[in-house]
Protein backbone atom coordinates (compact mmCIF):
# COMPACT_ATOMS: atom_id res chain seq x y z
CA MET A 1 -11.33 -46.17 -18.49
CA ARG A 2 -12.30 -44.04 -21.08
CA ILE A 3 -12.37 -45.45 -24.33
CA ARG A 4 -12.02 -43.12 -27.39
CA LEU A 5 -13.50 -43.49 -30.76
CA GLY A 6 -10.07 -43.02 -32.07
CA TYR A 7 -8.80 -46.78 -30.24
CA ALA A 8 -12.22 -48.41 -31.23
CA MET A 9 -11.58 -47.41 -35.26
CA GLU A 10 -7.72 -48.54 -34.47
CA PHE A 11 -8.73 -51.74 -32.48
CA VAL A 12 -10.85 -52.83 -36.04
CA VAL A 13 -7.88 -51.36 -38.25
CA VAL A 14 -5.29 -53.82 -36.19
CA LEU A 15 -7.95 -56.77 -36.22
CA ALA A 16 -7.98 -56.33 -40.26
CA VAL A 17 -4.43 -56.22 -40.59
CA GLY A 18 -3.51 -59.12 -38.43
CA MET A 19 -6.46 -61.13 -40.26
CA GLY A 20 -5.49 -60.15 -43.41
CA LEU A 21 -2.08 -61.17 -43.15
CA ALA A 22 -3.43 -64.51 -41.76
CA ARG A 23 -5.68 -65.20 -44.82
CA PHE A 24 -2.54 -63.95 -46.93
CA VAL A 25 -0.40 -66.62 -45.93
CA TRP A 26 -2.75 -69.49 -45.30
CA VAL A 27 -3.70 -69.24 -49.15
CA VAL A 28 0.17 -69.36 -49.97
CA TYR A 29 1.02 -72.10 -47.33
CA GLY A 30 -2.15 -73.71 -45.80
CA LYS A 31 -2.00 -76.90 -48.55
CA ASP A 32 1.57 -77.41 -46.75
CA ALA A 33 0.11 -77.85 -43.18
CA GLU A 34 0.64 -81.51 -42.35
CA THR A 35 0.96 -81.42 -37.92
CA LEU A 36 -1.10 -79.42 -35.50
CA LEU A 37 2.13 -77.37 -34.95
CA ASP A 38 2.20 -76.47 -38.62
CA ARG A 39 -1.42 -75.39 -38.73
CA LEU A 40 -1.07 -73.02 -35.25
CA GLN A 41 1.87 -71.63 -37.16
CA ILE A 42 0.65 -70.71 -40.75
CA PHE A 43 -2.52 -69.34 -39.08
CA ILE A 44 -1.94 -67.71 -35.61
CA VAL A 45 1.67 -66.46 -36.39
CA PRO A 46 0.91 -64.01 -39.14
CA PHE A 47 -2.23 -62.99 -37.35
CA LEU A 48 0.10 -62.01 -34.49
CA VAL A 49 2.39 -60.38 -36.78
CA GLY A 50 0.15 -57.88 -38.18
CA ILE A 51 -1.37 -57.22 -35.08
CA GLY A 52 1.73 -56.27 -33.80
CA LEU A 53 3.00 -54.40 -36.36
CA ALA A 54 -0.24 -52.31 -37.14
CA GLY A 55 -0.45 -51.75 -32.92
CA GLY A 56 3.26 -51.13 -32.58
CA LEU A 57 2.49 -48.45 -35.50
CA GLY A 58 -0.28 -47.23 -33.45
CA THR A 59 2.10 -46.67 -30.21
CA TRP A 60 4.41 -44.43 -32.26
CA LEU A 61 2.08 -42.52 -33.92
CA GLU A 62 0.59 -41.51 -30.42
CA ALA A 63 4.02 -40.89 -28.92
CA ALA A 64 4.92 -38.92 -32.02
CA ARG A 65 1.87 -36.78 -31.85
CA ARG A 66 2.49 -36.48 -28.05
CA ARG A 67 -0.44 -38.13 -26.60
CA SER A 68 1.05 -40.62 -24.99
CA PRO A 69 1.69 -40.99 -21.10
CA PRO A 70 5.28 -40.04 -20.48
CA ILE A 71 5.75 -43.55 -18.81
CA TRP A 72 4.56 -46.18 -20.41
CA GLY A 73 3.23 -49.10 -19.03
CA VAL A 74 4.04 -53.22 -20.30
CA GLY A 75 0.89 -52.98 -22.36
CA ARG A 76 2.82 -49.80 -24.78
CA TRP A 77 6.09 -51.45 -24.51
CA ALA A 78 4.69 -54.74 -25.94
CA TRP A 79 3.47 -52.70 -28.97
CA SER A 80 6.43 -51.10 -29.80
CA VAL A 81 8.71 -54.36 -29.05
CA SER A 82 6.98 -56.84 -31.40
CA ALA A 83 6.42 -54.34 -34.22
CA LEU A 84 10.23 -53.43 -33.68
CA CYS A 85 10.87 -57.22 -34.22
CA VAL A 86 8.78 -57.28 -37.28
CA LEU A 87 10.26 -54.71 -38.90
CA LEU A 88 13.84 -55.76 -38.19
CA LYS A 89 13.31 -58.91 -39.41
CA VAL A 90 12.02 -57.68 -43.00
CA LEU A 91 14.87 -55.32 -42.92
CA ASP A 92 17.27 -58.42 -42.15
CA LEU A 93 15.13 -60.30 -45.11
CA SER A 94 15.70 -57.46 -47.50
CA VAL A 95 19.42 -57.30 -46.76
CA ASN A 96 19.59 -61.09 -47.67
CA LEU A 97 17.47 -60.95 -50.89
CA LEU A 98 19.64 -57.87 -52.17
CA PHE A 99 22.86 -59.92 -51.05
CA SER A 100 21.88 -62.99 -53.15
CA HIS A 101 20.71 -61.27 -55.72
CA TRP A 102 24.04 -59.33 -55.84
CA ARG A 103 26.31 -62.07 -55.65
CA GLY A 104 24.30 -63.55 -58.53
CA ASN A 105 22.15 -66.37 -56.76
CA ASP A 106 18.64 -66.73 -57.52
CA ALA A 107 16.75 -64.33 -55.47
CA ILE A 108 13.28 -65.66 -56.66
CA HIS A 109 14.18 -68.62 -54.96
CA GLU A 110 14.92 -66.91 -51.69
CA LEU A 111 11.17 -65.46 -52.10
CA GLY A 112 9.78 -68.65 -50.29
CA MET A 113 11.57 -67.33 -46.69
CA VAL A 114 8.82 -64.98 -46.85
CA GLY A 115 6.80 -67.40 -45.00
CA ASP A 116 9.32 -68.83 -43.03
CA LEU A 117 9.98 -64.57 -41.82
CA MET A 118 6.35 -65.41 -40.32
CA ILE A 119 6.93 -68.51 -38.61
CA LEU A 120 10.34 -67.93 -36.91
CA LEU A 121 9.90 -64.67 -36.23
CA PHE A 122 6.70 -65.07 -33.44
CA ALA A 123 7.64 -69.08 -33.03
CA ARG A 124 11.52 -68.63 -31.88
CA GLU A 125 12.10 -64.63 -30.84
CA THR A 126 9.14 -62.33 -30.15
CA TRP A 127 7.46 -63.90 -27.34
CA TRP A 128 10.57 -64.76 -25.59
CA ILE A 129 11.57 -60.97 -26.14
CA SER A 130 7.95 -59.79 -25.12
CA THR A 131 8.00 -62.11 -21.89
CA ALA A 132 11.60 -60.80 -21.21
CA ALA A 133 10.46 -57.36 -21.28
CA TRP A 134 7.02 -58.00 -18.94
CA LEU A 135 9.52 -59.68 -16.50
CA THR A 136 11.91 -57.04 -16.53
CA SER A 137 9.02 -54.63 -15.89
CA LEU A 138 8.29 -56.10 -12.94
CA ILE A 139 11.75 -56.98 -11.37
CA ILE A 140 12.35 -52.99 -11.98
CA ARG A 141 8.77 -51.97 -10.44
CA GLN A 142 8.49 -48.91 -12.71
CA PRO A 143 5.67 -46.75 -11.58
CA ARG A 144 2.40 -47.75 -13.19
CA ASP A 145 -0.07 -45.62 -14.70
CA PRO A 146 -2.72 -45.08 -12.04
CA SER A 147 -5.50 -44.98 -15.17
CA PRO A 148 -4.14 -47.25 -17.91
CA ASP A 149 -6.01 -46.46 -21.04
CA ALA A 150 -7.61 -48.98 -23.93
CA ARG A 151 -3.83 -49.34 -25.45
CA GLU A 152 -2.15 -50.07 -22.50
CA TRP A 153 -5.05 -52.78 -21.76
CA ALA A 154 -4.91 -53.93 -25.11
CA GLY A 155 -1.17 -54.02 -25.22
CA HIS A 156 -1.44 -56.42 -21.70
CA PHE A 157 -4.09 -58.80 -23.69
CA TYR A 158 -1.70 -58.95 -26.89
CA LEU A 159 1.33 -59.59 -24.41
CA ALA A 160 -0.85 -62.58 -22.77
CA ALA A 161 -1.89 -63.76 -26.48
CA LEU A 162 2.02 -64.05 -27.11
CA VAL A 163 3.06 -65.94 -24.17
CA ALA A 164 0.17 -68.39 -24.39
CA TYR A 165 0.82 -68.89 -28.18
CA GLY A 166 4.76 -69.43 -27.05
CA ILE A 167 3.83 -72.09 -24.32
CA ALA A 168 1.16 -73.62 -26.72
CA SER A 169 3.76 -73.91 -29.38
CA GLN A 170 6.37 -75.26 -27.13
CA ILE A 171 4.25 -78.15 -25.76
CA ILE A 172 3.35 -78.99 -28.88
CA ASP A 173 6.37 -79.31 -30.32
CA LEU A 174 8.13 -81.15 -27.52
CA ALA A 175 4.80 -83.39 -27.87
CA TYR A 176 5.67 -84.08 -31.63
CA ARG A 177 9.17 -84.53 -31.25
CA SER A 178 8.31 -87.17 -28.47
CA ARG A 179 6.53 -89.43 -30.88
């Protein structure tokens, strides 16, 4: 496996976007975190959202420049699915804000939904979608790249982090509900 300088630089940018978004959401909503599940969602979810968005954009740029392999592996699929989930959720939020403003409702009140966007996006949608895409790739037995590159491996690790987060949040949620 060859690691290119561009992949290393992109890795730093992806981590910076994830950490920056996590810091922003923590500063805005961190004081409201009462339980372990709240803390987990307020810190880890924006970190994963930022990483997914930046990694997905990098994957799309690579494909647009015709530098990606013709057949995408599970890693590239994970990046793309994650970024699409973020962008579609932001589009949904924007349409709801515009509609609320058009109807004369207080659109400023609706901006509180931005924090909920980060929490709901990964807690209830993306990890399920990514897991489903991974299981589908196992079922259809798509051809594997004999020499996966750094982006592919990073996508595998990202997918593993999404699944681990989803399982952990479900277990913690069940533990709090059973009290």
